[in-house]
C-alpha atoms as a PDB file:
ATOM      1  CA  ASN A   1      13.552  19.001 -20.106  1.00  0.00           C
ATOM      2  CA  GLY A   2      13.097  15.357 -19.084  1.00  0.00           C
ATOM      3  CA  GLY A   3      16.449  13.961 -20.261  1.00  0.00           C
ATOM      4  CA  GLY A   4      19.879  15.153 -19.841  1.00  0.00           C
ATOM      5  CA  GLU A   5      22.216  15.623 -16.903  1.00  0.00           C
ATOM      6  CA  ALA A   6      21.481  15.961 -13.328  1.00  0.00           C
ATOM      7  CA  ARG A   7      20.381  19.264 -11.890  1.00  0.00           C
ATOM      8  CA  PHE A   8      20.390  20.979  -8.481  1.00  0.00           C
ATOM      9  CA  VAL A   9      17.202  20.273  -6.599  1.00  0.00           C
ATOM     10  CA  SER A  10      15.987  20.930  -3.101  1.00  0.00           C
ATOM     11  CA  GLU A  11      17.159  17.641  -1.484  1.00  0.00           C
ATOM     12  CA  ARG A  12      15.531  18.284   1.915  1.00  0.00           C
ATOM     13  CA  SER A  13      12.048  18.765   0.389  1.00  0.00           C
ATOM     14  CA  TRP A  14      12.243  15.839  -1.898  1.00  0.00           C
ATOM     15  CA  GLU A  15      13.663  13.686   0.983  1.00  0.00           C
ATOM     16  CA  LYS A  16      10.379  14.448   2.815  1.00  0.00           C
ATOM     17  CA  VAL A  17       8.386  13.323  -0.122  1.00  0.00           C
ATOM     18  CA  PHE A  18      10.294  10.125  -0.772  1.00  0.00           C
ATOM     19  CA  PHE A  19      11.884   9.008   2.588  1.00  0.00           C
ATOM     20  CA  ASP A  20      10.133  10.397   5.579  1.00  0.00           C
ATOM     21  CA  GLN A  21       9.933   7.556   8.027  1.00  0.00           C
ATOM     22  CA  ASP A  22       7.319   9.108  10.191  1.00  0.00           C
ATOM     23  CA  VAL A  23       4.959   9.395   7.334  1.00  0.00           C
ATOM     24  CA  GLU A  24       5.851   5.940   6.173  1.00  0.00           C
ATOM     25  CA  LEU A  25       5.007   4.442   9.598  1.00  0.00           C
ATOM     26  CA  ALA A  26       1.804   6.430  10.036  1.00  0.00           C
ATOM     27  CA  ASN A  27       0.652   5.375   6.560  1.00  0.00           C
ATOM     28  CA  LEU A  28       1.570   1.745   7.246  1.00  0.00           C
ATOM     29  CA  LEU A  29      -0.410   1.691  10.411  1.00  0.00           C
ATOM     30  CA  LEU A  30      -3.441   3.400   8.949  1.00  0.00           C
ATOM     31  CA  TYR A  31      -3.345   1.012   5.886  1.00  0.00           C
ATOM     32  CA  VAL A  32      -2.982  -2.133   8.006  1.00  0.00           C
ATOM     33  CA  LEU A  33      -5.887  -1.163  10.240  1.00  0.00           C
ATOM     34  CA  CYS A  34      -8.081  -0.289   7.288  1.00  0.00           C
ATOM     35  CA  ILE A  35      -7.495  -3.505   5.453  1.00  0.00           C
ATOM     36  CA  ALA A  36      -7.583  -5.520   8.743  1.00  0.00           C
ATOM     37  CA  PHE A  37     -11.025  -4.146   9.545  1.00  0.00           C
ATOM     38  CA  SER A  38     -12.178  -4.734   5.947  1.00  0.00           C
ATOM     39  CA  VAL A  39     -10.915  -8.372   5.780  1.00  0.00           C
ATOM     40  CA  SER A  40     -11.691  -9.371   9.380  1.00  0.00           C
ATOM     41  CA  GLY A  41     -15.344 -10.137   8.754  1.00  0.00           C
ATOM     42  CA  MET A  42     -15.022 -11.957   5.396  1.00  0.00           C
ATOM     43  CA  PHE A  43     -15.006 -15.459   6.912  1.00  0.00           C
ATOM     44  CA  GLN A  44     -16.734 -14.784  10.249  1.00  0.00           C
ATOM     45  CA  PHE A  45     -20.269 -14.994   9.040  1.00  0.00           C
ATOM     46  CA  GLU A  46     -19.733 -18.238   7.248  1.00  0.00           C
ATOM     47  CA  ILE A  47     -18.136 -19.861  10.357  1.00  0.00           C
ATOM     48  CA  ARG A  48     -20.652 -18.540  12.831  1.00  0.00           C
ATOM     49  CA  SER A  49     -23.637 -19.574  10.898  1.00  0.00           C
ATOM     50  CA  ARG A  50     -22.059 -22.895   9.895  1.00  0.00           C
ATOM     51  CA  MET A  51     -22.497 -22.065   6.195  1.00  0.00           C
ATOM     52  CA  LYS A  52     -18.849 -23.123   5.698  1.00  0.00           C
ATOM     53  CA  ARG A  53     -19.997 -26.734   5.881  1.00  0.00           C
ATOM     54  CA  LEU A  54     -22.517 -26.067   3.045  1.00  0.00           C
ATOM     55  CA  ILE A  55     -20.166 -23.956   0.897  1.00  0.00           C
ATOM     56  CA  HIS A  56     -16.915 -25.961   1.282  1.00  0.00           C
ATOM     57  CA  PRO A  57     -18.010 -29.107  -0.475  1.00  0.00           C
ATOM     58  CA  THR A  58     -19.696 -27.438  -3.434  1.00  0.00           C
ATOM     59  CA  VAL A  59     -18.074 -26.725  -6.723  1.00  0.00           C
ATOM     60  CA  LYS A  60     -18.579 -23.063  -6.296  1.00  0.00           C
ATOM     61  CA  ASN A  61     -16.515 -22.982  -3.159  1.00  0.00           C
ATOM     62  CA  GLY A  62     -13.458 -22.061  -5.250  1.00  0.00           C
ATOM     63  CA  ARG A  63     -15.309 -19.373  -6.947  1.00  0.00           C
ATOM     64  CA  VAL A  64     -16.395 -17.941  -3.554  1.00  0.00           C
ATOM     65  CA  PHE A  65     -12.872 -17.965  -2.261  1.00  0.00           C
ATOM     66  CA  TRP A  66     -11.340 -16.317  -5.442  1.00  0.00           C
ATOM     67  CA  SER A  67     -14.082 -13.673  -5.393  1.00  0.00           C
ATOM     68  CA  LYS A  68     -13.372 -12.853  -1.835  1.00  0.00           C
ATOM     69  CA  LEU A  69      -9.661 -12.730  -2.580  1.00  0.00           C
ATOM     70  CA  GLY A  70     -10.327 -10.380  -5.488  1.00  0.00           C
ATOM     71  CA  VAL A  71     -12.348  -8.073  -3.369  1.00  0.00           C
ATOM     72  CA  ALA A  72      -9.561  -8.027  -0.739  1.00  0.00           C
ATOM     73  CA  CYS A  73      -6.973  -7.214  -3.475  1.00  0.00           C
ATOM     74  CA  MET A  74      -9.133  -4.378  -4.858  1.00  0.00           C
ATOM     75  CA  GLU A  75      -9.732  -2.945  -1.435  1.00  0.00           C
ATOM     76  CA  SER A  76      -6.037  -3.155  -0.677  1.00  0.00           C
ATOM     77  CA  ALA A  77      -5.171  -1.372  -3.943  1.00  0.00           C
ATOM     78  CA  LEU A  78      -7.852   1.235  -3.322  1.00  0.00           C
ATOM     79  CA  TYR A  79      -6.852   1.992   0.230  1.00  0.00           C
ATOM     80  CA  ALA A  80      -3.177   2.365  -0.701  1.00  0.00           C
ATOM     81  CA  ALA A  81      -3.858   4.514  -3.754  1.00  0.00           C
ATOM     82  CA  VAL A  82      -6.082   6.967  -1.701  1.00  0.00           C
ATOM     83  CA  LEU A  83      -3.667   6.968   1.210  1.00  0.00           C
ATOM     84  CA  TRP A  84      -0.521   7.586  -0.783  1.00  0.00           C
ATOM     85  CA  ALA A  85      -2.148   9.901  -3.376  1.00  0.00           C
ATOM     86  CA  GLY A  86      -3.404  12.041  -0.495  1.00  0.00           C
ATOM     87  CA  THR A  87       0.079  11.956   1.145  1.00  0.00           C
ATOM     88  CA  TYR A  88       1.799  13.022  -1.967  1.00  0.00           C
ATOM     89  CA  ILE A  89      -0.639  15.761  -2.874  1.00  0.00           C
ATOM     90  CA  SER A  90      -0.503  17.197   0.691  1.00  0.00           C
ATOM     91  CA  LEU A  91       3.359  17.137   0.698  1.00  0.00           C
ATOM     92  CA  LEU A  92       3.493  18.680  -2.724  1.00  0.00           C
ATOM     93  CA  ILE A  93       1.252  21.484  -1.464  1.00  0.00           C
ATOM     94  CA  LYS A  94       3.107  21.761   1.725  1.00  0.00           C
ATOM     95  CA  TYR A  95       6.546  22.090   0.056  1.00  0.00           C
ATOM     96  CA  LYS A  96       5.848  24.595  -2.581  1.00  0.00           C
ATOM     97  CA  ASP A  97       9.505  24.950  -3.390  1.00  0.00           C
ATOM     98  CA  LEU A  98       9.505  21.470  -4.878  1.00  0.00           C
ATOM     99  CA  GLU A  99      10.568  22.125  -8.431  1.00  0.00           C
ATOM    100  CA  GLY A 100      12.046  19.894 -10.941  1.00  0.00           C
ATOM    101  CA  LEU A 101       9.349  17.171 -11.459  1.00  0.00           C
ATOM    102  CA  ALA A 102      10.495  17.026 -15.106  1.00  0.00           C
ATOM    103  CA  TRP A 103      14.145  16.893 -14.140  1.00  0.00           C
ATOM    104  CA  PRO A 104      16.047  13.704 -14.216  1.00  0.00           C
ATOM    105  CA  ALA A 105      15.728  11.494 -11.022  1.00  0.00           C
ATOM    106  CA  CYS A 106      19.443  11.098 -10.863  1.00  0.00           C
ATOM    107  CA  SER A 107      19.469  14.773  -9.621  1.00  0.00           C
ATOM    108  CA  LEU A 108      18.590  13.347  -6.184  1.00  0.00           C
ATOM    109  CA  PRO A 109      21.438  11.527  -4.418  1.00  0.00           C
ATOM    110  CA  GLU A 110      19.309   8.430  -3.586  1.00  0.00           C
ATOM    111  CA  PHE A 111      18.492   7.977  -7.255  1.00  0.00           C
ATOM    112  CA  ARG A 112      21.871   8.711  -8.656  1.00  0.00           C
ATOM    113  CA  ASP A 113      22.041   5.311 -10.256  1.00  0.00           C
ATOM    114  CA  PHE A 114      18.764   5.755 -12.110  1.00  0.00           C
ATOM    115  CA  PRO A 115      18.866   6.147 -15.862  1.00  0.00           C
ATOM    116  CA  ALA A 116      18.958   9.821 -16.872  1.00  0.00           C
ATOM    117  CA  TRP A 117      15.717   9.599 -18.840  1.00  0.00           C
ATOM    118  CA  ILE A 118      13.631   8.820 -15.820  1.00  0.00           C
ATOM    119  CA  THR A 119      12.270  12.045 -14.361  1.00  0.00           C
ATOM    120  CA  ILE A 120      11.561  12.798 -10.695  1.00  0.00           C
ATOM    121  CA  ALA A 121       7.834  12.519 -11.582  1.00  0.00           C
ATOM    122  CA  GLY A 122       8.596   9.089 -13.118  1.00  0.00           C
ATOM    123  CA  ALA A 123      10.379   7.925  -9.957  1.00  0.00           C
ATOM    124  CA  LEU A 124       7.533   9.195  -7.848  1.00  0.00           C
ATOM    125  CA  ALA A 125       5.101   7.190 -10.028  1.00  0.00           C
ATOM    126  CA  ILE A 126       7.335   4.134  -9.832  1.00  0.00           C
ATOM    127  CA  VAL A 127       7.400   4.409  -6.027  1.00  0.00           C
ATOM    128  CA  PHE A 128       3.577   4.874  -5.991  1.00  0.00           C
ATOM    129  CA  ILE A 129       3.011   1.749  -8.054  1.00  0.00           C
ATOM    130  CA  GLN A 130       5.426  -0.132  -5.966  1.00  0.00           C
ATOM    131  CA  ARG A 131       3.554   0.871  -2.812  1.00  0.00           C
ATOM    132  CA  ILE A 132       0.258  -0.252  -4.298  1.00  0.00           C
ATOM    133  CA  ILE A 133       1.710  -3.629  -5.324  1.00  0.00           C
ATOM    134  CA  SER A 134       3.130  -4.134  -1.825  1.00  0.00           C
ATOM    135  CA  ALA A 135      -0.185  -3.089  -0.354  1.00  0.00           C
ATOM    136  CA  VAL A 136      -2.026  -5.774  -2.443  1.00  0.00           C
ATOM    137  CA  LEU A 137       0.468  -8.427  -1.254  1.00  0.00           C
ATOM    138  CA  THR A 138      -0.066  -7.227   2.351  1.00  0.00           C
ATOM    139  CA  GLY A 139      -3.841  -7.529   1.763  1.00  0.00           C
ATOM    140  CA  VAL A 140      -3.362 -11.154   0.498  1.00  0.00           C
ATOM    141  CA  ILE A 141      -1.361 -12.014   3.608  1.00  0.00           C
ATOM    142  CA  LEU A 142      -4.060 -10.469   5.902  1.00  0.00           C
ATOM    143  CA  PHE A 143      -6.821 -12.263   3.768  1.00  0.00           C
ATOM    144  CA  LEU A 144      -5.055 -15.628   4.303  1.00  0.00           C
ATOM    145  CA  ALA A 145      -4.600 -14.845   7.981  1.00  0.00           C
ATOM    146  CA  ALA A 146      -8.263 -14.000   8.401  1.00  0.00           C
ATOM    147  CA  GLN A 147      -9.194 -17.618   7.572  1.00  0.00           C
ATOM    148  CA  ILE A 148      -7.100 -18.684  10.585  1.00  0.00           C
ATOM    149  CA  VAL A 149      -7.999 -16.022  13.161  1.00  0.00           C
ATOM    150  CA  THR A 150     -11.705 -15.806  12.747  1.00  0.00           C
ATOM    151  CA  VAL A 151     -12.642 -13.528  15.674  1.00  0.00           C
ATOM    152  CA  PRO A 152     -12.478  -9.962  14.269  1.00  0.00           C
ATOM    153  CA  ALA A 153     -11.053  -8.276  17.435  1.00  0.00           C
ATOM    154  CA  TYR A 154      -8.291 -10.878  17.683  1.00  0.00           C
ATOM    155  CA  PHE A 155      -7.544 -10.671  14.078  1.00  0.00           C
ATOM    156  CA  ILE A 156      -7.127  -6.853  14.201  1.00  0.00           C
ATOM    157  CA  ALA A 157      -4.881  -7.087  17.148  1.00  0.00           C
ATOM    158  CA  VAL A 158      -2.778  -9.856  15.468  1.00  0.00           C
ATOM    159  CA  ALA A 159      -2.565  -7.890  12.302  1.00  0.00           C
ATOM    160  CA  ALA A 160      -1.620  -4.652  13.937  1.00  0.00           C
ATOM    161  CA  VAL A 161       1.063  -6.362  16.166  1.00  0.00           C
ATOM    162  CA  GLY A 162       2.391  -8.554  13.335  1.00  0.00           C
ATOM    163  CA  PHE A 163       2.999  -5.660  11.040  1.00  0.00           C
ATOM    164  CA  LEU A 164       4.180  -3.137  13.494  1.00  0.00           C
ATOM    165  CA  LEU A 165       6.632  -5.037  15.567  1.00  0.00           C
ATOM    166  CA  PRO A 166       9.218  -5.758  12.809  1.00  0.00           C
END
């Protein structure tokens, strides 16, 4: 049942699903590289062809900027959703002994402060949505940085170093 008291679950397996730092770092690197490659060329053509001088003073300049930002946000969300959904599916297949998706999230030590009515599947969904939101915010940061570093090779290097060093 979804509500009720905590139950005994396989902590090691669920820890791999929620808190595996190697998977986290690999996914972050892959995501940053994907979005950096996608965003790196958004402003390059305008600057090289000197179209920025024509687009910038027009009324539609704002519309162009917001359209590009919207595309960057959608790409960010899509990349993150595909990456993390694939990761979760592969982990759920790998750890077949994962039971208790319908059990309370407070059954896991890391989520002991969660309300009893939130299931492990609900906690997984919350974490998934949080990752997509943070991916979109990362995409916005990279989008804004792409306007400053307009050479794609430099931009990709700066993006990778900027997100992997901390």
